[in-house]
């Protein structure tokens, strides 16, 4: 094994898989659950804080995936810092839209 291989983390490691599962599956699943809970409650609560925390954890997991585990785009090419910035912006945008929509449904439609 060369010195560059020992310094660069491998893609196919358990920590790399765990990080990918967080940002790709577990995080969005948690956001869906929390969105349904926001709809059910209809008002501001600790669920709002949990929603924001999960969005932050997804962003951190994706950052770690790209910087430590050679994360790639959907096309399979290495993700650049610019692409990561766009991902983060889209994550925040769509999470905010989802959060506001959940509150709108809970407060005005289902009330």
Foldseek 3Di string as FASTA:
>chain_A
DDPVPVVADEQPDPVNVVLCCLLPPVLVVLLVVLLLVCLQVLDDDVSVVVLVVSLVSNLVSVVCNLPRNQDPDPVRHGDDPVNSVVVNVVSVVVSVVSNVVSNCNNHPPPD
